[in-house]
C-alpha atoms as a PDB file:
ATOM      1  CA  MET A   1    -158.142   8.754 -49.172  1.00  0.00           C
ATOM      2  CA  PHE A   2    -156.363  10.900 -46.566  1.00  0.00           C
ATOM      3  CA  GLY A   3    -153.347  11.457 -48.805  1.00  0.00           C
ATOM      4  CA  LEU A   4    -150.969   9.980 -46.215  1.00  0.00           C
ATOM      5  CA  SER A   5    -148.102   7.579 -46.804  1.00  0.00           C
ATOM      6  CA  SER A   6    -147.732   6.985 -43.061  1.00  0.00           C
ATOM      7  CA  SER A   7    -148.209   8.401 -39.615  1.00  0.00           C
ATOM      8  CA  GLY A   8    -146.361   7.967 -36.371  1.00  0.00           C
ATOM      9  CA  ASP A   9    -147.200   8.255 -32.701  1.00  0.00           C
ATOM     10  CA  GLY A  10    -144.860  11.177 -32.209  1.00  0.00           C
ATOM     11  CA  THR A  11    -143.329  11.767 -28.802  1.00  0.00           C
ATOM     12  CA  SER A  12    -144.792  12.287 -25.376  1.00  0.00           C
ATOM     13  CA  ASN A  13    -146.134  15.575 -24.088  1.00  0.00           C
ATOM     14  CA  ASN A  14    -146.027  17.951 -27.064  1.00  0.00           C
ATOM     15  CA  ILE A  15    -147.914  21.140 -26.178  1.00  0.00           C
ATOM     16  CA  ILE A  16    -148.842  23.539 -29.004  1.00  0.00           C
ATOM     17  CA  ASP A  17    -146.539  26.547 -29.074  1.00  0.00           C
ATOM     18  CA  GLY A  18    -146.047  27.197 -32.791  1.00  0.00           C
ATOM     19  CA  LEU A  19    -148.753  25.557 -34.931  1.00  0.00           C
ATOM     20  CA  ALA A  20    -148.182  27.190 -38.338  1.00  0.00           C
ATOM     21  CA  GLY A  21    -150.327  26.936 -41.466  1.00  0.00           C
ATOM     22  CA  GLN A  22    -148.316  25.935 -44.518  1.00  0.00           C
ATOM     23  CA  PRO A  23    -147.998  27.474 -48.006  1.00  0.00           C
ATOM     24  CA  GLY A  24    -150.326  25.891 -50.567  1.00  0.00           C
ATOM     25  CA  ALA A  25    -152.770  24.777 -47.862  1.00  0.00           C
ATOM     26  CA  ILE A  26    -156.093  26.235 -46.721  1.00  0.00           C
ATOM     27  CA  THR A  27    -154.288  27.141 -43.492  1.00  0.00           C
ATOM     28  CA  ASN A  28    -151.596  29.250 -45.196  1.00  0.00           C
ATOM     29  CA  GLY A  29    -150.632  32.130 -42.918  1.00  0.00           C
ATOM     30  CA  MET A  30    -152.528  30.856 -39.864  1.00  0.00           C
ATOM     31  CA  LEU A  31    -150.741  30.588 -36.524  1.00  0.00           C
ATOM     32  CA  PHE A  32    -151.808  29.145 -33.172  1.00  0.00           C
ATOM     33  CA  THR A  33    -149.454  29.421 -30.215  1.00  0.00           C
ATOM     34  CA  SER A  34    -151.551  27.891 -27.460  1.00  0.00           C
ATOM     35  CA  SER A  35    -154.100  25.173 -26.687  1.00  0.00           C
ATOM     36  CA  THR A  36    -156.084  24.076 -23.634  1.00  0.00           C
ATOM     37  CA  GLN A  37    -155.951  20.450 -24.785  1.00  0.00           C
ATOM     38  CA  VAL A  38    -155.013  18.023 -22.011  1.00  0.00           C
ATOM     39  CA  GLY A  39    -153.373  14.750 -22.849  1.00  0.00           C
ATOM     40  CA  ASN A  40    -150.795  15.965 -25.359  1.00  0.00           C
ATOM     41  CA  ASP A  41    -149.029  12.601 -25.284  1.00  0.00           C
ATOM     42  CA  TRP A  42    -148.170  10.843 -28.521  1.00  0.00           C
ATOM     43  CA  ILE A  43    -149.621  13.431 -30.907  1.00  0.00           C
ATOM     44  CA  ASP A  44    -149.550  11.849 -34.370  1.00  0.00           C
ATOM     45  CA  ILE A  45    -147.085  13.093 -36.957  1.00  0.00           C
ATOM     46  CA  PHE A  46    -148.129  12.643 -40.604  1.00  0.00           C
ATOM     47  CA  ILE A  47    -146.114  11.962 -43.738  1.00  0.00           C
ATOM     48  CA  PRO A  48    -148.225  12.911 -46.762  1.00  0.00           C
ATOM     49  CA  ASN A  49    -148.021  11.379 -50.226  1.00  0.00           C
ATOM     50  CA  THR A  50    -150.814  13.000 -52.295  1.00  0.00           C
ATOM     51  CA  GLY A  51    -151.988  15.215 -49.439  1.00  0.00           C
ATOM     52  CA  THR A  52    -150.793  18.724 -48.601  1.00  0.00           C
ATOM     53  CA  VAL A  53    -149.329  19.541 -45.191  1.00  0.00           C
ATOM     54  CA  ALA A  54    -151.792  21.964 -43.557  1.00  0.00           C
ATOM     55  CA  PHE A  55    -150.110  22.522 -40.167  1.00  0.00           C
ATOM     56  CA  ASN A  56    -146.580  22.031 -38.892  1.00  0.00           C
ATOM     57  CA  GLU A  57    -145.876  22.203 -35.179  1.00  0.00           C
ATOM     58  CA  SER A  58    -142.580  24.038 -34.633  1.00  0.00           C
ATOM     59  CA  GLY A  59    -139.818  21.619 -33.626  1.00  0.00           C
ATOM     60  CA  TYR A  60    -142.176  18.644 -33.772  1.00  0.00           C
ATOM     61  CA  GLY A  61    -143.486  17.825 -37.253  1.00  0.00           C
ATOM     62  CA  ASP A  62    -146.464  17.807 -39.619  1.00  0.00           C
ATOM     63  CA  VAL A  63    -149.683  17.400 -37.611  1.00  0.00           C
ATOM     64  CA  ALA A  64    -152.404  18.180 -40.185  1.00  0.00           C
ATOM     65  CA  VAL A  65    -152.900  17.154 -43.821  1.00  0.00           C
ATOM     66  CA  GLN A  66    -155.592  18.120 -46.330  1.00  0.00           C
ATOM     67  CA  ASN A  67    -156.306  16.023 -49.410  1.00  0.00           C
ATOM     68  CA  ALA A  68    -158.496  16.235 -52.503  1.00  0.00           C
ATOM     69  CA  GLY A  69    -158.941  12.865 -54.219  1.00  0.00           C
ATOM     70  CA  ALA A  70    -159.310  12.012 -57.881  1.00  0.00           C
ATOM     71  CA  PHE A  71    -163.104  11.644 -57.569  1.00  0.00           C
ATOM     72  CA  GLY A  72    -163.709  14.926 -55.737  1.00  0.00           C
ATOM     73  CA  GLN A  73    -163.569  13.485 -52.209  1.00  0.00           C
ATOM     74  CA  LYS A  74    -161.852  15.712 -49.652  1.00  0.00           C
ATOM     75  CA  THR A  75    -160.397  15.101 -46.205  1.00  0.00           C
ATOM     76  CA  PHE A  76    -158.742  17.116 -43.451  1.00  0.00           C
ATOM     77  CA  CYS A  77    -156.756  15.097 -40.895  1.00  0.00           C
ATOM     78  CA  PHE A  78    -155.599  16.887 -37.729  1.00  0.00           C
ATOM     79  CA  SER A  79    -153.787  15.547 -34.637  1.00  0.00           C
ATOM     80  CA  TYR A  80    -154.939  18.166 -32.144  1.00  0.00           C
ATOM     81  CA  ALA A  81    -158.409  18.998 -30.784  1.00  0.00           C
ATOM     82  CA  LEU A  82    -159.667  21.962 -32.851  1.00  0.00           C
ATOM     83  CA  ALA A  83    -162.021  23.098 -30.087  1.00  0.00           C
ATOM     84  CA  GLU A  84    -159.108  23.493 -27.673  1.00  0.00           C
ATOM     85  CA  LEU A  85    -157.063  25.899 -29.807  1.00  0.00           C
ATOM     86  CA  VAL A  86    -156.782  29.283 -28.082  1.00  0.00           C
ATOM     87  CA  ASP A  87    -157.837  32.428 -29.947  1.00  0.00           C
ATOM     88  CA  LEU A  88    -155.334  35.147 -29.207  1.00  0.00           C
ATOM     89  CA  ASP A  89    -155.130  38.663 -30.583  1.00  0.00           C
ATOM     90  CA  SER A  90    -156.464  38.212 -34.142  1.00  0.00           C
ATOM     91  CA  THR A  91    -153.955  40.779 -35.454  1.00  0.00           C
ATOM     92  CA  ILE A  92    -151.039  38.450 -34.648  1.00  0.00           C
ATOM     93  CA  SER A  93    -152.626  34.982 -34.777  1.00  0.00           C
ATOM     94  CA  SER A  94    -155.640  33.136 -36.124  1.00  0.00           C
ATOM     95  CA  THR A  95    -158.998  32.156 -34.691  1.00  0.00           C
ATOM     96  CA  LYS A  96    -160.778  28.806 -34.485  1.00  0.00           C
ATOM     97  CA  ASN A  97    -163.641  30.376 -36.437  1.00  0.00           C
ATOM     98  CA  GLU A  98    -161.302  31.273 -39.325  1.00  0.00           C
ATOM     99  CA  LEU A  99    -159.905  27.740 -39.282  1.00  0.00           C
ATOM    100  CA  MET A 100    -163.335  26.075 -39.182  1.00  0.00           C
ATOM    101  CA  THR A 101    -164.560  28.318 -42.019  1.00  0.00           C
ATOM    102  CA  ALA A 102    -161.519  27.409 -44.134  1.00  0.00           C
ATOM    103  CA  ILE A 103    -162.042  23.682 -43.457  1.00  0.00           C
ATOM    104  CA  ALA A 104    -165.794  23.856 -44.226  1.00  0.00           C
ATOM    105  CA  ASN A 105    -165.183  25.809 -47.444  1.00  0.00           C
ATOM    106  CA  PHE A 106    -162.530  23.270 -48.463  1.00  0.00           C
ATOM    107  CA  LEU A 107    -164.757  20.256 -47.721  1.00  0.00           C
ATOM    108  CA  VAL A 108    -168.093  21.506 -49.127  1.00  0.00           C
ATOM    109  CA  GLY A 109    -167.195  24.555 -51.218  1.00  0.00           C
ATOM    110  CA  THR A 110    -167.478  28.281 -50.746  1.00  0.00           C
ATOM    111  CA  PRO A 111    -171.079  29.466 -50.369  1.00  0.00           C
ATOM    112  CA  THR A 112    -172.425  31.295 -53.406  1.00  0.00           C
ATOM    113  CA  GLN A 113    -173.538  34.884 -53.190  1.00  0.00           C
ATOM    114  CA  PRO A 114    -177.231  35.737 -53.491  1.00  0.00           C
ATOM    115  CA  PRO A 115    -178.567  37.246 -56.699  1.00  0.00           C
ATOM    116  CA  ASP A 116    -178.651  41.026 -57.140  1.00  0.00           C
ATOM    117  CA  ILE A 117    -181.540  42.507 -59.126  1.00  0.00           C
ATOM    118  CA  SER A 118    -181.337  45.467 -61.474  1.00  0.00           C
ATOM    119  CA  VAL A 119    -184.539  46.797 -63.066  1.00  0.00           C
ATOM    120  CA  SER A 120    -184.761  49.240 -65.968  1.00  0.00           C
ATOM    121  CA  PRO A 121    -186.762  51.369 -66.294  1.00  0.00           C
ATOM    122  CA  THR A 122    -187.699  51.690 -62.629  1.00  0.00           C
ATOM    123  CA  SER A 123    -191.287  52.687 -63.384  1.00  0.00           C
ATOM    124  CA  PHE A 124    -193.986  52.558 -66.082  1.00  0.00           C
ATOM    125  CA  VAL A 125    -196.987  54.836 -66.511  1.00  0.00           C
ATOM    126  CA  PHE A 126    -199.632  53.805 -69.056  1.00  0.00           C
ATOM    127  CA  ASN A 127    -202.943  55.482 -69.867  1.00  0.00           C
ATOM    128  CA  VAL A 128    -204.853  52.984 -71.972  1.00  0.00           C
ATOM    129  CA  PRO A 129    -208.452  53.605 -73.069  1.00  0.00           C
ATOM    130  CA  GLU A 130    -210.866  50.670 -73.171  1.00  0.00           C
ATOM    131  CA  GLY A 131    -210.049  48.476 -76.143  1.00  0.00           C
ATOM    132  CA  GLY A 132    -206.605  50.105 -76.506  1.00  0.00           C
ATOM    133  CA  SER A 133    -203.174  48.794 -75.724  1.00  0.00           C
ATOM    134  CA  ASP A 134    -199.714  50.055 -74.881  1.00  0.00           C
ATOM    135  CA  SER A 135    -196.376  48.371 -74.252  1.00  0.00           C
ATOM    136  CA  ASP A 136    -192.839  48.998 -73.147  1.00  0.00           C
ATOM    137  CA  ILE A 137    -189.813  46.865 -72.375  1.00  0.00           C
ATOM    138  CA  LEU A 138    -188.840  45.992 -68.814  1.00  0.00           C
ATOM    139  CA  THR A 139    -185.270  44.722 -68.417  1.00  0.00           C
ATOM    140  CA  ILE A 140    -184.520  42.632 -65.333  1.00  0.00           C
ATOM    141  CA  SER A 141    -180.877  41.699 -64.782  1.00  0.00           C
ATOM    142  CA  ASN A 142    -178.933  39.659 -62.248  1.00  0.00           C
ATOM    143  CA  VAL A 143    -175.906  41.891 -61.641  1.00  0.00           C
ATOM    144  CA  ALA A 144    -174.350  39.698 -58.942  1.00  0.00           C
ATOM    145  CA  PRO A 145    -170.772  38.467 -59.485  1.00  0.00           C
ATOM    146  CA  ALA A 146    -170.193  35.393 -61.645  1.00  0.00           C
ATOM    147  CA  GLY A 147    -170.970  32.159 -59.827  1.00  0.00           C
ATOM    148  CA  SER A 148    -173.766  33.685 -57.722  1.00  0.00           C
ATOM    149  CA  GLN A 149    -177.198  32.169 -57.310  1.00  0.00           C
ATOM    150  CA  ASN A 150    -179.799  32.460 -60.067  1.00  0.00           C
ATOM    151  CA  LEU A 151    -182.274  35.316 -59.899  1.00  0.00           C
ATOM    152  CA  ASN A 152    -185.869  34.076 -59.612  1.00  0.00           C
ATOM    153  CA  TRP A 153    -188.546  36.778 -59.737  1.00  0.00           C
ATOM    154  CA  ASN A 154    -192.158  37.472 -60.599  1.00  0.00           C
ATOM    155  CA  ILE A 155    -194.463  40.429 -60.905  1.00  0.00           C
ATOM    156  CA  SER A 156    -198.140  40.085 -60.205  1.00  0.00           C
ATOM    157  CA  ILE A 157    -200.587  42.934 -60.599  1.00  0.00           C
ATOM    158  CA  GLY A 158    -203.903  42.642 -58.822  1.00  0.00           C
ATOM    159  CA  SER A 159    -207.096  44.436 -59.705  1.00  0.00           C
ATOM    160  CA  ILE A 160    -207.613  46.966 -62.498  1.00  0.00           C
ATOM    161  CA  PHE A 161    -209.862  49.929 -61.818  1.00  0.00           C
ATOM    162  CA  GLU A 162    -213.289  49.874 -63.494  1.00  0.00           C
ATOM    163  CA  SER A 163    -213.543  53.007 -65.635  1.00  0.00           C
ATOM    164  CA  GLU A 164    -213.426  54.223 -69.219  1.00  0.00           C
ATOM    165  CA  SER A 165    -209.761  55.004 -68.915  1.00  0.00           C
ATOM    166  CA  ARG A 166    -207.504  52.898 -66.694  1.00  0.00           C
ATOM    167  CA  SER A 167    -204.285  54.128 -65.191  1.00  0.00           C
ATOM    168  CA  LEU A 168    -201.793  51.851 -63.470  1.00  0.00           C
ATOM    169  CA  GLU A 169    -198.372  52.919 -62.269  1.00  0.00           C
ATOM    170  CA  LEU A 170    -195.668  50.347 -61.605  1.00  0.00           C
ATOM    171  CA  ASP A 171    -192.811  51.939 -59.628  1.00  0.00           C
ATOM    172  CA  MET A 172    -189.750  49.737 -58.962  1.00  0.00           C
ATOM    173  CA  THR A 173    -187.488  52.347 -57.377  1.00  0.00           C
ATOM    174  CA  GLY A 174    -185.750  50.932 -54.315  1.00  0.00           C
ATOM    175  CA  TRP A 175    -186.641  47.332 -55.050  1.00  0.00           C
ATOM    176  CA  SER A 176    -185.040  44.741 -52.865  1.00  0.00           C
ATOM    177  CA  LEU A 177    -184.984  41.018 -53.477  1.00  0.00           C
ATOM    178  CA  SER A 178    -184.941  37.962 -51.299  1.00  0.00           C
ATOM    179  CA  THR A 179    -182.859  35.082 -52.610  1.00  0.00           C
ATOM    180  CA  ASP A 180    -186.058  33.330 -53.708  1.00  0.00           C
ATOM    181  CA  ARG A 181    -188.144  35.919 -55.570  1.00  0.00           C
ATOM    182  CA  ALA A 182    -189.512  39.415 -55.695  1.00  0.00           C
ATOM    183  CA  SER A 183    -193.255  39.917 -55.807  1.00  0.00           C
ATOM    184  CA  LEU A 184    -195.141  43.104 -56.543  1.00  0.00           C
ATOM    185  CA  ASP A 185    -198.808  43.403 -55.558  1.00  0.00           C
ATOM    186  CA  PRO A 186    -201.066  46.439 -55.120  1.00  0.00           C
ATOM    187  CA  GLY A 187    -200.081  47.999 -51.835  1.00  0.00           C
ATOM    188  CA  PHE A 188    -196.701  46.237 -51.850  1.00  0.00           C
ATOM    189  CA  ILE A 189    -194.069  48.395 -50.171  1.00  0.00           C
ATOM    190  CA  PRO A 190    -190.555  47.507 -51.327  1.00  0.00           C
ATOM    191  CA  ASN A 191    -187.714  47.284 -48.821  1.00  0.00           C
ATOM    192  CA  LYS A 192    -185.668  50.453 -48.847  1.00  0.00           C
END
């Protein structure tokens, strides 16, 4: 399950000074050069079989392995305390937040983007006498990148004025959409 063929106790007192993310891993390009972890004795060293080495400690060995199993299960095994890694200048090293985001995305998947609505035309104006009718086509599109969430929307129009001739204007300029739905009611003011 962890993609390891074996692990060893390592040696005594190994303090992080060159924890480097490895090519092909979610940690590729990451570097941590310090930790506040106490008790650095016997830090495990891993030997992967199906897993991918995620971190190698300079002069010490492989101390983190990620694995994706045949049935979609995923694991990330790490010898050091993640919370104790020290964030240095982010232009020359990595941050715990970047590492935790990479691990979470690996384990549960990258979050999808919200939908993005496009409406055409942006407004309708109809003057329809009693007993008459009129129509036009409203095109609603989800223009978000592939893999984004579905667009769910509705339009509801409240009361119609009582008169011989009824006029109703539906203006959708500047529409904004929550990830759940857009709703248009008389007096509705769209987010700009």
